[in-house]
Amino acid sequence: MEPITLITTVLTLATPFLIKSGESFAEKVGEDIWNVIKSPFVKKNVEVPTNVDSINEKNELIKLIENELRENTQYKEELKNAVEKGNQQLNSYSQQNINNNAEVQKQINIQSNSGSIQM
């Protein structure tokens, strides 16, 4: 079996696992950020809307966060740090490297994309 065929085959077979592990990783990052979002409200015993599919609940959550940001500069810093940390974690996870001792025909490493790609 040619090296590129082997690489393509193993990556195809591993893709469902990688997608699931990526989802789990993203869920963990989201959970960490959610804990930061709700922390001041839990301390104040304020119920935090969790159904962001509902426009009313999403707007209510936005208003709660906006008010807290105005009153609490430490909360703003905590949210900012959580977003930066989450972005770093997701960016480091999303990089894929292929290492192979054999000859690789083509390798593409795309860090970000703002348009269409044709090959």
PDB file of N, CA and C in Angstrom:
ATOM      1  N   MET A   1       0.859  -1.177   0.000  1.00  0.00           N
ATOM      2  CA  MET A   1       0.000   0.000   0.000  1.00  0.00           C
ATOM      3  C   MET A   1       0.902   1.235   0.000  1.00  0.00           C
ATOM      4  N   GLU A   2       0.595   2.163  -0.899  1.00  0.00           N
ATOM      5  CA  GLU A   2       1.368   3.400  -1.001  1.00  0.00           C
ATOM      6  C   GLU A   2       1.199   4.219   0.281  1.00  0.00           C
ATOM      7  N   PRO A   3       2.223   4.953   0.689  1.00  0.00           N
ATOM      8  CA  PRO A   3       2.126   5.744   1.921  1.00  0.00           C
ATOM      9  C   PRO A   3       0.944   6.720   1.927  1.00  0.00           C
ATOM     10  N   ILE A   4       0.726   7.417   0.825  1.00  0.00           N
ATOM     11  CA  ILE A   4      -0.372   8.387   0.794  1.00  0.00           C
ATOM     12  C   ILE A   4      -1.717   7.680   0.904  1.00  0.00           C
ATOM     13  N   THR A   5      -1.847   6.496   0.335  1.00  0.00           N
ATOM     14  CA  THR A   5      -3.077   5.710   0.447  1.00  0.00           C
ATOM     15  C   THR A   5      -3.278   5.262   1.883  1.00  0.00           C
ATOM     16  N   LEU A   6      -2.209   4.825   2.506  1.00  0.00           N
ATOM     17  CA  LEU A   6      -2.275   4.402   3.901  1.00  0.00           C
ATOM     18  C   LEU A   6      -2.681   5.575   4.794  1.00  0.00           C
ATOM     19  N   ILE A   7      -2.050   6.722   4.584  1.00  0.00           N
ATOM     20  CA  ILE A   7      -2.366   7.904   5.391  1.00  0.00           C
ATOM     21  C   ILE A   7      -3.825   8.302   5.201  1.00  0.00           C
ATOM     22  N   THR A   8      -4.266   8.356   3.968  1.00  0.00           N
ATOM     23  CA  THR A   8      -5.651   8.724   3.672  1.00  0.00           C
ATOM     24  C   THR A   8      -6.622   7.748   4.312  1.00  0.00           C
ATOM     25  N   THR A   9      -6.316   6.468   4.231  1.00  0.00           N
ATOM     26  CA  THR A   9      -7.202   5.441   4.793  1.00  0.00           C
ATOM     27  C   THR A   9      -7.282   5.542   6.307  1.00  0.00           C
ATOM     28  N   VAL A  10      -6.141   5.660   6.970  1.00  0.00           N
ATOM     29  CA  VAL A  10      -6.180   5.719   8.437  1.00  0.00           C
ATOM     30  C   VAL A  10      -6.860   6.991   8.917  1.00  0.00           C
ATOM     31  N   LEU A  11      -6.650   8.100   8.216  1.00  0.00           N
ATOM     32  CA  LEU A  11      -7.326   9.332   8.615  1.00  0.00           C
ATOM     33  C   LEU A  11      -8.829   9.247   8.380  1.00  0.00           C
ATOM     34  N   THR A  12      -9.234   8.606   7.307  1.00  0.00           N
ATOM     35  CA  THR A  12     -10.659   8.412   7.044  1.00  0.00           C
ATOM     36  C   THR A  12     -11.287   7.571   8.146  1.00  0.00           C
ATOM     37  N   LEU A  13     -10.604   6.511   8.543  1.00  0.00           N
ATOM     38  CA  LEU A  13     -11.139   5.642   9.588  1.00  0.00           C
ATOM     39  C   LEU A  13     -11.129   6.322  10.961  1.00  0.00           C
ATOM     40  N   ALA A  14     -10.170   7.207  11.197  1.00  0.00           N
ATOM     41  CA  ALA A  14     -10.063   7.883  12.496  1.00  0.00           C
ATOM     42  C   ALA A  14     -10.955   9.115  12.593  1.00  0.00           C
ATOM     43  N   THR A  15     -11.454   9.606  11.471  1.00  0.00           N
ATOM     44  CA  THR A  15     -12.218  10.850  11.459  1.00  0.00           C
ATOM     45  C   THR A  15     -13.401  10.869  12.426  1.00  0.00           C
ATOM     46  N   PRO A  16     -14.251   9.831  12.473  1.00  0.00           N
ATOM     47  CA  PRO A  16     -15.368   9.878  13.435  1.00  0.00           C
ATOM     48  C   PRO A  16     -14.888  10.044  14.877  1.00  0.00           C
ATOM     49  N   PHE A  17     -13.802   9.367  15.227  1.00  0.00           N
ATOM     50  CA  PHE A  17     -13.251   9.507  16.578  1.00  0.00           C
ATOM     51  C   PHE A  17     -12.744  10.928  16.800  1.00  0.00           C
ATOM     52  N   LEU A  18     -12.031  11.470  15.821  1.00  0.00           N
ATOM     53  CA  LEU A  18     -11.474  12.811  15.963  1.00  0.00           C
ATOM     54  C   LEU A  18     -12.569  13.863  16.074  1.00  0.00           C
ATOM     55  N   ILE A  19     -13.645  13.686  15.317  1.00  0.00           N
ATOM     56  CA  ILE A  19     -14.761  14.622  15.400  1.00  0.00           C
ATOM     57  C   ILE A  19     -15.381  14.575  16.790  1.00  0.00           C
ATOM     58  N   LYS A  20     -15.615  13.362  17.296  1.00  0.00           N
ATOM     59  CA  LYS A  20     -16.200  13.219  18.638  1.00  0.00           C
ATOM     60  C   LYS A  20     -15.276  13.789  19.706  1.00  0.00           C
ATOM     61  N   SER A  21     -13.979  13.526  19.596  1.00  0.00           N
ATOM     62  CA  SER A  21     -13.059  14.056  20.604  1.00  0.00           C
ATOM     63  C   SER A  21     -12.977  15.571  20.492  1.00  0.00           C
ATOM     64  N   GLY A  22     -13.074  16.101  19.269  1.00  0.00           N
ATOM     65  CA  GLY A  22     -13.097  17.554  19.083  1.00  0.00           C
ATOM     66  C   GLY A  22     -14.332  18.172  19.698  1.00  0.00           C
ATOM     67  N   GLU A  23     -15.472  17.499  19.531  1.00  0.00           N
ATOM     68  CA  GLU A  23     -16.707  17.984  20.146  1.00  0.00           C
ATOM     69  C   GLU A  23     -16.576  17.979  21.662  1.00  0.00           C
ATOM     70  N   SER A  24     -16.010  16.913  22.215  1.00  0.00           N
ATOM     71  CA  SER A  24     -15.819  16.829  23.662  1.00  0.00           C
ATOM     72  C   SER A  24     -14.902  17.942  24.149  1.00  0.00           C
ATOM     73  N   PHE A  25     -13.848  18.192  23.389  1.00  0.00           N
ATOM     74  CA  PHE A  25     -12.902  19.244  23.754  1.00  0.00           C
ATOM     75  C   PHE A  25     -13.595  20.604  23.736  1.00  0.00           C
ATOM     76  N   ALA A  26     -14.363  20.866  22.672  1.00  0.00           N
ATOM     77  CA  ALA A  26     -15.079  22.137  22.558  1.00  0.00           C
ATOM     78  C   ALA A  26     -16.118  22.276  23.672  1.00  0.00           C
ATOM     79  N   GLU A  27     -16.767  21.172  24.032  1.00  0.00           N
ATOM     80  CA  GLU A  27     -17.732  21.206  25.137  1.00  0.00           C
ATOM     81  C   GLU A  27     -17.043  21.593  26.441  1.00  0.00           C
ATOM     82  N   LYS A  28     -15.849  21.086  26.674  1.00  0.00           N
ATOM     83  CA  LYS A  28     -15.106  21.410  27.905  1.00  0.00           C
ATOM     84  C   LYS A  28     -14.754  22.895  27.929  1.00  0.00           C
ATOM     85  N   VAL A  29     -14.300  23.421  26.787  1.00  0.00           N
ATOM     86  CA  VAL A  29     -13.981  24.850  26.710  1.00  0.00           C
ATOM     87  C   VAL A  29     -15.251  25.665  26.968  1.00  0.00           C
ATOM     88  N   GLY A  30     -16.353  25.275  26.340  1.00  0.00           N
ATOM     89  CA  GLY A  30     -17.624  25.957  26.553  1.00  0.00           C
ATOM     90  C   GLY A  30     -18.086  25.895  27.994  1.00  0.00           C
ATOM     91  N   GLU A  31     -17.893  24.749  28.630  1.00  0.00           N
ATOM     92  CA  GLU A  31     -18.282  24.596  30.038  1.00  0.00           C
ATOM     93  C   GLU A  31     -17.467  25.529  30.928  1.00  0.00           C
ATOM     94  N   ASP A  32     -16.171  25.615  30.664  1.00  0.00           N
ATOM     95  CA  ASP A  32     -15.311  26.506  31.453  1.00  0.00           C
ATOM     96  C   ASP A  32     -15.772  27.962  31.323  1.00  0.00           C
ATOM     97  N   ILE A  33     -16.084  28.374  30.098  1.00  0.00           N
ATOM     98  CA  ILE A  33     -16.535  29.749  29.882  1.00  0.00           C
ATOM     99  C   ILE A  33     -17.908  29.964  30.524  1.00  0.00           C
ATOM    100  N   TRP A  34     -18.786  28.988  30.414  1.00  0.00           N
ATOM    101  CA  TRP A  34     -20.110  29.106  31.035  1.00  0.00           C
ATOM    102  C   TRP A  34     -19.988  29.271  32.545  1.00  0.00           C
ATOM    103  N   ASN A  35     -19.065  28.544  33.164  1.00  0.00           N
ATOM    104  CA  ASN A  35     -18.864  28.681  34.610  1.00  0.00           C
ATOM    105  C   ASN A  35     -18.420  30.087  34.980  1.00  0.00           C
ATOM    106  N   VAL A  36     -17.592  30.699  34.144  1.00  0.00           N
ATOM    107  CA  VAL A  36     -17.173  32.083  34.390  1.00  0.00           C
ATOM    108  C   VAL A  36     -18.358  33.028  34.192  1.00  0.00           C
ATOM    109  N   ILE A  37     -19.145  32.803  33.136  1.00  0.00           N
ATOM    110  CA  ILE A  37     -20.301  33.663  32.857  1.00  0.00           C
ATOM    111  C   ILE A  37     -21.251  33.692  34.053  1.00  0.00           C
ATOM    112  N   LYS A  38     -21.584  32.534  34.586  1.00  0.00           N
ATOM    113  CA  LYS A  38     -22.635  32.469  35.616  1.00  0.00           C
ATOM    114  C   LYS A  38     -22.118  32.697  37.044  1.00  0.00           C
ATOM    115  N   SER A  39     -20.808  32.726  37.251  1.00  0.00           N
ATOM    116  CA  SER A  39     -20.260  32.789  38.613  1.00  0.00           C
ATOM    117  C   SER A  39     -20.783  33.950  39.472  1.00  0.00           C
ATOM    118  N   PRO A  40     -20.840  35.193  38.977  1.00  0.00           N
ATOM    119  CA  PRO A  40     -21.333  36.246  39.877  1.00  0.00           C
ATOM    120  C   PRO A  40     -22.818  36.101  40.200  1.00  0.00           C
ATOM    121  N   PHE A  41     -23.567  35.506  39.285  1.00  0.00           N
ATOM    122  CA  PHE A  41     -25.010  35.366  39.493  1.00  0.00           C
ATOM    123  C   PHE A  41     -25.313  34.255  40.495  1.00  0.00           C
ATOM    124  N   VAL A  42     -24.503  33.204  40.463  1.00  0.00           N
ATOM    125  CA  VAL A  42     -24.657  32.120  41.435  1.00  0.00           C
ATOM    126  C   VAL A  42     -24.384  32.667  42.838  1.00  0.00           C
ATOM    127  N   LYS A  43     -23.338  33.499  42.970  1.00  0.00           N
ATOM    128  CA  LYS A  43     -23.002  34.095  44.273  1.00  0.00           C
ATOM    129  C   LYS A  43     -24.129  34.980  44.791  1.00  0.00           C
ATOM    130  N   LYS A  44     -24.825  35.650  43.862  1.00  0.00           N
ATOM    131  CA  LYS A  44     -25.932  36.540  44.241  1.00  0.00           C
ATOM    132  C   LYS A  44     -27.268  35.802  44.292  1.00  0.00           C
ATOM    133  N   ASN A  45     -27.235  34.499  44.018  1.00  0.00           N
ATOM    134  CA  ASN A  45     -28.438  33.668  44.001  1.00  0.00           C
ATOM    135  C   ASN A  45     -29.454  34.160  42.965  1.00  0.00           C
ATOM    136  N   VAL A  46     -28.950  34.571  41.794  1.00  0.00           N
ATOM    137  CA  VAL A  46     -29.788  35.021  40.690  1.00  0.00           C
ATOM    138  C   VAL A  46     -29.881  33.883  39.677  1.00  0.00           C
ATOM    139  N   GLU A  47     -31.098  33.576  39.253  1.00  0.00           N
ATOM    140  CA  GLU A  47     -31.281  32.517  38.266  1.00  0.00           C
ATOM    141  C   GLU A  47     -30.767  32.990  36.909  1.00  0.00           C
ATOM    142  N   VAL A  48     -29.961  32.149  36.272  1.00  0.00           N
ATOM    143  CA  VAL A  48     -29.365  32.481  34.979  1.00  0.00           C
ATOM    144  C   VAL A  48     -30.093  31.706  33.888  1.00  0.00           C
ATOM    145  N   PRO A  49     -30.601  32.408  32.869  1.00  0.00           N
ATOM    146  CA  PRO A  49     -31.266  31.717  31.758  1.00  0.00           C
ATOM    147  C   PRO A  49     -30.273  30.798  31.038  1.00  0.00           C
ATOM    148  N   THR A  50     -30.723  29.606  30.708  1.00  0.00           N
ATOM    149  CA  THR A  50     -29.836  28.645  30.045  1.00  0.00           C
ATOM    150  C   THR A  50     -30.301  28.254  28.651  1.00  0.00           C
ATOM    151  N   ASN A  51     -31.510  28.637  28.277  1.00  0.00           N
ATOM    152  CA  ASN A  51     -32.035  28.264  26.968  1.00  0.00           C
ATOM    153  C   ASN A  51     -31.730  29.378  25.969  1.00  0.00           C
ATOM    154  N   VAL A  52     -30.535  29.355  25.394  1.00  0.00           N
ATOM    155  CA  VAL A  52     -30.149  30.413  24.460  1.00  0.00           C
ATOM    156  C   VAL A  52     -30.803  30.237  23.099  1.00  0.00           C
ATOM    157  N   ASP A  53     -31.548  29.153  22.906  1.00  0.00           N
ATOM    158  CA  ASP A  53     -32.342  29.003  21.682  1.00  0.00           C
ATOM    159  C   ASP A  53     -33.583  29.893  21.742  1.00  0.00           C
ATOM    160  N   SER A  54     -34.002  30.216  22.947  1.00  0.00           N
ATOM    161  CA  SER A  54     -35.140  31.114  23.141  1.00  0.00           C
ATOM    162  C   SER A  54     -34.638  32.554  23.077  1.00  0.00           C
ATOM    163  N   ILE A  55     -35.202  33.337  22.185  1.00  0.00           N
ATOM    164  CA  ILE A  55     -34.760  34.731  22.017  1.00  0.00           C
ATOM    165  C   ILE A  55     -34.941  35.513  23.310  1.00  0.00           C
ATOM    166  N   ASN A  56     -36.060  35.301  24.007  1.00  0.00           N
ATOM    167  CA  ASN A  56     -36.309  36.024  25.257  1.00  0.00           C
ATOM    168  C   ASN A  56     -35.275  35.686  26.318  1.00  0.00           C
ATOM    169  N   GLU A  57     -34.983  34.396  26.474  1.00  0.00           N
ATOM    170  CA  GLU A  57     -33.995  33.998  27.482  1.00  0.00           C
ATOM    171  C   GLU A  57     -32.595  34.464  27.104  1.00  0.00           C
ATOM    172  N   LYS A  58     -32.283  34.407  25.823  1.00  0.00           N
ATOM    173  CA  LYS A  58     -30.967  34.881  25.375  1.00  0.00           C
ATOM    174  C   LYS A  58     -30.823  36.370  25.653  1.00  0.00           C
ATOM    175  N   ASN A  59     -31.863  37.154  25.346  1.00  0.00           N
ATOM    176  CA  ASN A  59     -31.825  38.591  25.616  1.00  0.00           C
ATOM    177  C   ASN A  59     -31.716  38.877  27.109  1.00  0.00           C
ATOM    178  N   GLU A  60     -32.417  38.082  27.908  1.00  0.00           N
ATOM    179  CA  GLU A  60     -32.350  38.236  29.363  1.00  0.00           C
ATOM    180  C   GLU A  60     -30.930  37.957  29.863  1.00  0.00           C
ATOM    181  N   LEU A  61     -30.308  36.922  29.322  1.00  0.00           N
ATOM    182  CA  LEU A  61     -28.939  36.599  29.705  1.00  0.00           C
ATOM    183  C   LEU A  61     -27.980  37.718  29.300  1.00  0.00           C
ATOM    184  N   ILE A  62     -28.165  38.247  28.107  1.00  0.00           N
ATOM    185  CA  ILE A  62     -27.313  39.348  27.634  1.00  0.00           C
ATOM    186  C   ILE A  62     -27.444  40.554  28.562  1.00  0.00           C
ATOM    187  N   LYS A  63     -28.668  40.883  28.962  1.00  0.00           N
ATOM    188  CA  LYS A  63     -28.885  42.022  29.869  1.00  0.00           C
ATOM    189  C   LYS A  63     -28.220  41.790  31.221  1.00  0.00           C
ATOM    190  N   LEU A  64     -28.332  40.563  31.743  1.00  0.00           N
ATOM    191  CA  LEU A  64     -27.674  40.250  33.016  1.00  0.00           C
ATOM    192  C   LEU A  64     -26.167  40.457  32.919  1.00  0.00           C
ATOM    193  N   ILE A  65     -25.587  39.945  31.837  1.00  0.00           N
ATOM    194  CA  ILE A  65     -24.131  40.056  31.655  1.00  0.00           C
ATOM    195  C   ILE A  65     -23.737  41.518  31.474  1.00  0.00           C
ATOM    196  N   GLU A  66     -24.486  42.264  30.665  1.00  0.00           N
ATOM    197  CA  GLU A  66     -24.180  43.688  30.442  1.00  0.00           C
ATOM    198  C   GLU A  66     -24.194  44.463  31.758  1.00  0.00           C
ATOM    199  N   ASN A  67     -25.224  44.246  32.565  1.00  0.00           N
ATOM    200  CA  ASN A  67     -25.315  44.941  33.857  1.00  0.00           C
ATOM    201  C   ASN A  67     -24.153  44.576  34.761  1.00  0.00           C
ATOM    202  N   GLU A  68     -23.812  43.304  34.775  1.00  0.00           N
ATOM    203  CA  GLU A  68     -22.702  42.868  35.634  1.00  0.00           C
ATOM    204  C   GLU A  68     -21.379  43.450  35.146  1.00  0.00           C
ATOM    205  N   LEU A  69     -21.200  43.530  33.849  1.00  0.00           N
ATOM    206  CA  LEU A  69     -19.974  44.110  33.294  1.00  0.00           C
ATOM    207  C   LEU A  69     -19.824  45.579  33.682  1.00  0.00           C
ATOM    208  N   ARG A  70     -20.934  46.310  33.706  1.00  0.00           N
ATOM    209  CA  ARG A  70     -20.898  47.724  34.107  1.00  0.00           C
ATOM    210  C   ARG A  70     -20.515  47.882  35.576  1.00  0.00           C
ATOM    211  N   GLU A  71     -20.991  46.980  36.410  1.00  0.00           N
ATOM    212  CA  GLU A  71     -20.800  47.096  37.859  1.00  0.00           C
ATOM    213  C   GLU A  71     -19.519  46.430  38.359  1.00  0.00           C
ATOM    214  N   ASN A  72     -18.982  45.492  37.599  1.00  0.00           N
ATOM    215  CA  ASN A  72     -17.922  44.635  38.127  1.00  0.00           C
ATOM    216  C   ASN A  72     -16.772  44.525  37.117  1.00  0.00           C
ATOM    217  N   THR A  73     -15.723  45.304  37.326  1.00  0.00           N
ATOM    218  CA  THR A  73     -14.582  45.282  36.396  1.00  0.00           C
ATOM    219  C   THR A  73     -13.817  43.968  36.484  1.00  0.00           C
ATOM    220  N   GLN A  74     -13.807  43.350  37.645  1.00  0.00           N
ATOM    221  CA  GLN A  74     -13.127  42.059  37.795  1.00  0.00           C
ATOM    222  C   GLN A  74     -13.814  40.989  36.936  1.00  0.00           C
ATOM    223  N   TYR A  75     -15.133  41.039  36.870  1.00  0.00           N
ATOM    224  CA  TYR A  75     -15.903  40.100  36.048  1.00  0.00           C
ATOM    225  C   TYR A  75     -15.536  40.266  34.579  1.00  0.00           C
ATOM    226  N   LYS A  76     -15.389  41.509  34.154  1.00  0.00           N
ATOM    227  CA  LYS A  76     -15.002  41.776  32.771  1.00  0.00           C
ATOM    228  C   LYS A  76     -13.644  41.142  32.465  1.00  0.00           C
ATOM    229  N   GLU A  77     -12.703  41.280  33.370  1.00  0.00           N
ATOM    230  CA  GLU A  77     -11.377  40.687  33.182  1.00  0.00           C
ATOM    231  C   GLU A  77     -11.447  39.160  33.168  1.00  0.00           C
ATOM    232  N   GLU A  78     -12.260  38.594  34.053  1.00  0.00           N
ATOM    233  CA  GLU A  78     -12.423  37.141  34.092  1.00  0.00           C
ATOM    234  C   GLU A  78     -12.997  36.619  32.774  1.00  0.00           C
ATOM    235  N   LEU A  79     -14.006  37.313  32.247  1.00  0.00           N
ATOM    236  CA  LEU A  79     -14.591  36.907  30.966  1.00  0.00           C
ATOM    237  C   LEU A  79     -13.575  37.038  29.839  1.00  0.00           C
ATOM    238  N   LYS A  80     -12.852  38.133  29.834  1.00  0.00           N
ATOM    239  CA  LYS A  80     -11.846  38.366  28.800  1.00  0.00           C
ATOM    240  C   LYS A  80     -10.778  37.270  28.847  1.00  0.00           C
ATOM    241  N   ASN A  81     -10.311  36.941  30.037  1.00  0.00           N
ATOM    242  CA  ASN A  81      -9.307  35.878  30.195  1.00  0.00           C
ATOM    243  C   ASN A  81      -9.857  34.521  29.769  1.00  0.00           C
ATOM    244  N   ALA A  82     -11.117  34.255  30.093  1.00  0.00           N
ATOM    245  CA  ALA A  82     -11.732  32.978  29.713  1.00  0.00           C
ATOM    246  C   ALA A  82     -11.839  32.856  28.195  1.00  0.00           C
ATOM    247  N   VAL A  83     -12.189  33.951  27.531  1.00  0.00           N
ATOM    248  CA  VAL A  83     -12.289  33.937  26.070  1.00  0.00           C
ATOM    249  C   VAL A  83     -10.909  33.723  25.449  1.00  0.00           C
ATOM    250  N   GLU A  84      -9.905  34.425  25.947  1.00  0.00           N
ATOM    251  CA  GLU A  84      -8.550  34.270  25.414  1.00  0.00           C
ATOM    252  C   GLU A  84      -8.043  32.842  25.614  1.00  0.00           C
ATOM    253  N   LYS A  85      -8.265  32.302  26.812  1.00  0.00           N
ATOM    254  CA  LYS A  85      -7.839  30.931  27.106  1.00  0.00           C
ATOM    255  C   LYS A  85      -8.583  29.936  26.214  1.00  0.00           C
ATOM    256  N   GLY A  86      -9.890  30.117  26.063  1.00  0.00           N
ATOM    257  CA  GLY A  86     -10.682  29.228  25.216  1.00  0.00           C
ATOM    258  C   GLY A  86     -10.220  29.266  23.771  1.00  0.00           C
ATOM    259  N   ASN A  87      -9.962  30.467  23.259  1.00  0.00           N
ATOM    260  CA  ASN A  87      -9.467  30.594  21.885  1.00  0.00           C
ATOM    261  C   ASN A  87      -8.118  29.905  21.711  1.00  0.00           C
ATOM    262  N   GLN A  88      -7.237  30.070  22.671  1.00  0.00           N
ATOM    263  CA  GLN A  88      -5.924  29.420  22.604  1.00  0.00           C
ATOM    264  C   GLN A  88      -6.071  27.904  22.620  1.00  0.00           C
ATOM    265  N   GLN A  89      -6.932  27.402  23.493  1.00  0.00           N
ATOM    266  CA  GLN A  89      -7.128  25.961  23.573  1.00  0.00           C
ATOM    267  C   GLN A  89      -7.704  25.409  22.280  1.00  0.00           C
ATOM    268  N   LEU A  90      -8.713  26.076  21.741  1.00  0.00           N
ATOM    269  CA  LEU A  90      -9.330  25.605  20.500  1.00  0.00           C
ATOM    270  C   LEU A  90      -8.366  25.700  19.328  1.00  0.00           C
ATOM    271  N   ASN A  91      -7.579  26.769  19.271  1.00  0.00           N
ATOM    272  CA  ASN A  91      -6.611  26.914  18.183  1.00  0.00           C
ATOM    273  C   ASN A  91      -5.522  25.854  18.261  1.00  0.00           C
ATOM    274  N   SER A  92      -5.042  25.567  19.465  1.00  0.00           N
ATOM    275  CA  SER A  92      -3.984  24.558  19.588  1.00  0.00           C
ATOM    276  C   SER A  92      -4.521  23.166  19.285  1.00  0.00           C
ATOM    277  N   TYR A  93      -5.791  22.915  19.621  1.00  0.00           N
ATOM    278  CA  TYR A  93      -6.379  21.607  19.356  1.00  0.00           C
ATOM    279  C   TYR A  93      -6.644  21.404  17.870  1.00  0.00           C
ATOM    280  N   SER A  94      -7.027  22.488  17.183  1.00  0.00           N
ATOM    281  CA  SER A  94      -7.456  22.352  15.795  1.00  0.00           C
ATOM    282  C   SER A  94      -6.305  22.182  14.813  1.00  0.00           C
ATOM    283  N   GLN A  95      -5.070  22.366  15.261  1.00  0.00           N
ATOM    284  CA  GLN A  95      -3.948  22.158  14.354  1.00  0.00           C
ATOM    285  C   GLN A  95      -3.710  20.669  14.181  1.00  0.00           C
ATOM    286  N   GLN A  96      -3.561  20.254  12.968  1.00  0.00           N
ATOM    287  CA  GLN A  96      -3.356  18.842  12.676  1.00  0.00           C
ATOM    288  C   GLN A  96      -2.015  18.688  11.983  1.00  0.00           C
ATOM    289  N   ASN A  97      -1.221  17.785  12.481  1.00  0.00           N
ATOM    290  CA  ASN A  97       0.068  17.518  11.874  1.00  0.00           C
ATOM    291  C   ASN A  97       0.140  16.050  11.496  1.00  0.00           C
ATOM    292  N   ILE A  98       0.709  15.769  10.329  1.00  0.00           N
ATOM    293  CA  ILE A  98       0.893  14.398   9.886  1.00  0.00           C
ATOM    294  C   ILE A  98       2.388  14.128   9.882  1.00  0.00           C
ATOM    295  N   ASN A  99       2.798  13.144  10.627  1.00  0.00           N
ATOM    296  CA  ASN A  99       4.199  12.752  10.658  1.00  0.00           C
ATOM    297  C   ASN A  99       4.311  11.376  10.031  1.00  0.00           C
ATOM    298  N   ASN A 100       5.266  11.223   9.135  1.00  0.00           N
ATOM    299  CA  ASN A 100       5.406   9.966   8.435  1.00  0.00           C
ATOM    300  C   ASN A 100       6.861   9.826   8.014  1.00  0.00           C
ATOM    301  N   ASN A 101       7.415   8.661   8.208  1.00  0.00           N
ATOM    302  CA  ASN A 101       8.789   8.427   7.803  1.00  0.00           C
ATOM    303  C   ASN A 101       8.903   8.160   6.312  1.00  0.00           C
ATOM    304  N   ALA A 102       7.810   7.866   5.675  1.00  0.00           N
ATOM    305  CA  ALA A 102       7.814   7.602   4.236  1.00  0.00           C
ATOM    306  C   ALA A 102       7.605   8.908   3.482  1.00  0.00           C
ATOM    307  N   GLU A 103       7.540   8.811   2.185  1.00  0.00           N
ATOM    308  CA  GLU A 103       7.359   9.990   1.347  1.00  0.00           C
ATOM    309  C   GLU A 103       5.893  10.414   1.335  1.00  0.00           C
ATOM    310  N   VAL A 104       5.644  11.664   1.627  1.00  0.00           N
ATOM    311  CA  VAL A 104       4.302  12.211   1.591  1.00  0.00           C
ATOM    312  C   VAL A 104       4.162  12.989   0.293  1.00  0.00           C
ATOM    313  N   GLN A 105       3.141  12.675  -0.467  1.00  0.00           N
ATOM    314  CA  GLN A 105       2.950  13.312  -1.765  1.00  0.00           C
ATOM    315  C   GLN A 105       2.531  14.775  -1.618  1.00  0.00           C
ATOM    316  N   LYS A 106       1.541  15.033  -0.782  1.00  0.00           N
ATOM    317  CA  LYS A 106       1.048  16.392  -0.577  1.00  0.00           C
ATOM    318  C   LYS A 106       0.661  16.557   0.885  1.00  0.00           C
ATOM    319  N   GLN A 107       0.965  17.708   1.416  1.00  0.00           N
ATOM    320  CA  GLN A 107       0.532  18.029   2.771  1.00  0.00           C
ATOM    321  C   GLN A 107       0.097  19.482   2.786  1.00  0.00           C
ATOM    322  N   ILE A 108      -1.065  19.741   3.335  1.00  0.00           N
ATOM    323  CA  ILE A 108      -1.595  21.096   3.407  1.00  0.00           C
ATOM    324  C   ILE A 108      -1.877  21.409   4.862  1.00  0.00           C
ATOM    325  N   ASN A 109      -1.401  22.554   5.314  1.00  0.00           N
ATOM    326  CA  ASN A 109      -1.652  22.996   6.679  1.00  0.00           C
ATOM    327  C   ASN A 109      -2.304  24.372   6.590  1.00  0.00           C
ATOM    328  N   ILE A 110      -3.608  24.459   6.873  1.00  0.00           N
ATOM    329  CA  ILE A 110      -4.346  25.713   6.783  1.00  0.00           C
ATOM    330  C   ILE A 110      -4.652  26.177   8.200  1.00  0.00           C
ATOM    331  N   GLN A 111      -4.094  27.315   8.571  1.00  0.00           N
ATOM    332  CA  GLN A 111      -4.322  27.851   9.913  1.00  0.00           C
ATOM    333  C   GLN A 111      -5.659  28.591  10.002  1.00  0.00           C
ATOM    334  N   SER A 112      -5.985  29.338   8.961  1.00  0.00           N
ATOM    335  CA  SER A 112      -7.270  30.019   8.923  1.00  0.00           C
ATOM    336  C   SER A 112      -7.637  30.270   7.467  1.00  0.00           C
ATOM    337  N   ASN A 113      -8.914  30.505   7.244  1.00  0.00           N
ATOM    338  CA  ASN A 113      -9.389  30.700   5.883  1.00  0.00           C
ATOM    339  C   ASN A 113     -10.492  31.729   5.900  1.00  0.00           C
ATOM    340  N   SER A 114     -10.420  32.682   4.969  1.00  0.00           N
ATOM    341  CA  SER A 114     -11.485  33.682   4.893  1.00  0.00           C
ATOM    342  C   SER A 114     -12.165  33.671   3.526  1.00  0.00           C
ATOM    343  N   GLY A 115     -11.907  32.645   2.735  1.00  0.00           N
ATOM    344  CA  GLY A 115     -12.531  32.541   1.431  1.00  0.00           C
ATOM    345  C   GLY A 115     -12.602  31.092   1.000  1.00  0.00           C
ATOM    346  N   SER A 116     -12.899  30.860  -0.261  1.00  0.00           N
ATOM    347  CA  SER A 116     -13.011  29.498  -0.735  1.00  0.00           C
ATOM    348  C   SER A 116     -11.625  28.962  -1.131  1.00  0.00           C
ATOM    349  N   ILE A 117     -11.505  27.647  -1.067  1.00  0.00           N
ATOM    350  CA  ILE A 117     -10.262  26.991  -1.406  1.00  0.00           C
ATOM    351  C   ILE A 117     -10.555  25.989  -2.509  1.00  0.00           C
ATOM    352  N   GLN A 118      -9.757  26.019  -3.560  1.00  0.00           N
ATOM    353  CA  GLN A 118      -9.908  25.053  -4.647  1.00  0.00           C
ATOM    354  C   GLN A 118      -8.571  24.377  -4.858  1.00  0.00           C
ATOM    355  N   MET A 119      -8.630  23.076  -5.134  1.00  0.00           N
ATOM    356  CA  MET A 119      -7.393  22.308  -5.381  1.00  0.00           C
ATOM    357  C   MET A 119      -7.548  21.483  -6.622  1.00  0.00           C
TER     358      MET A 119
END
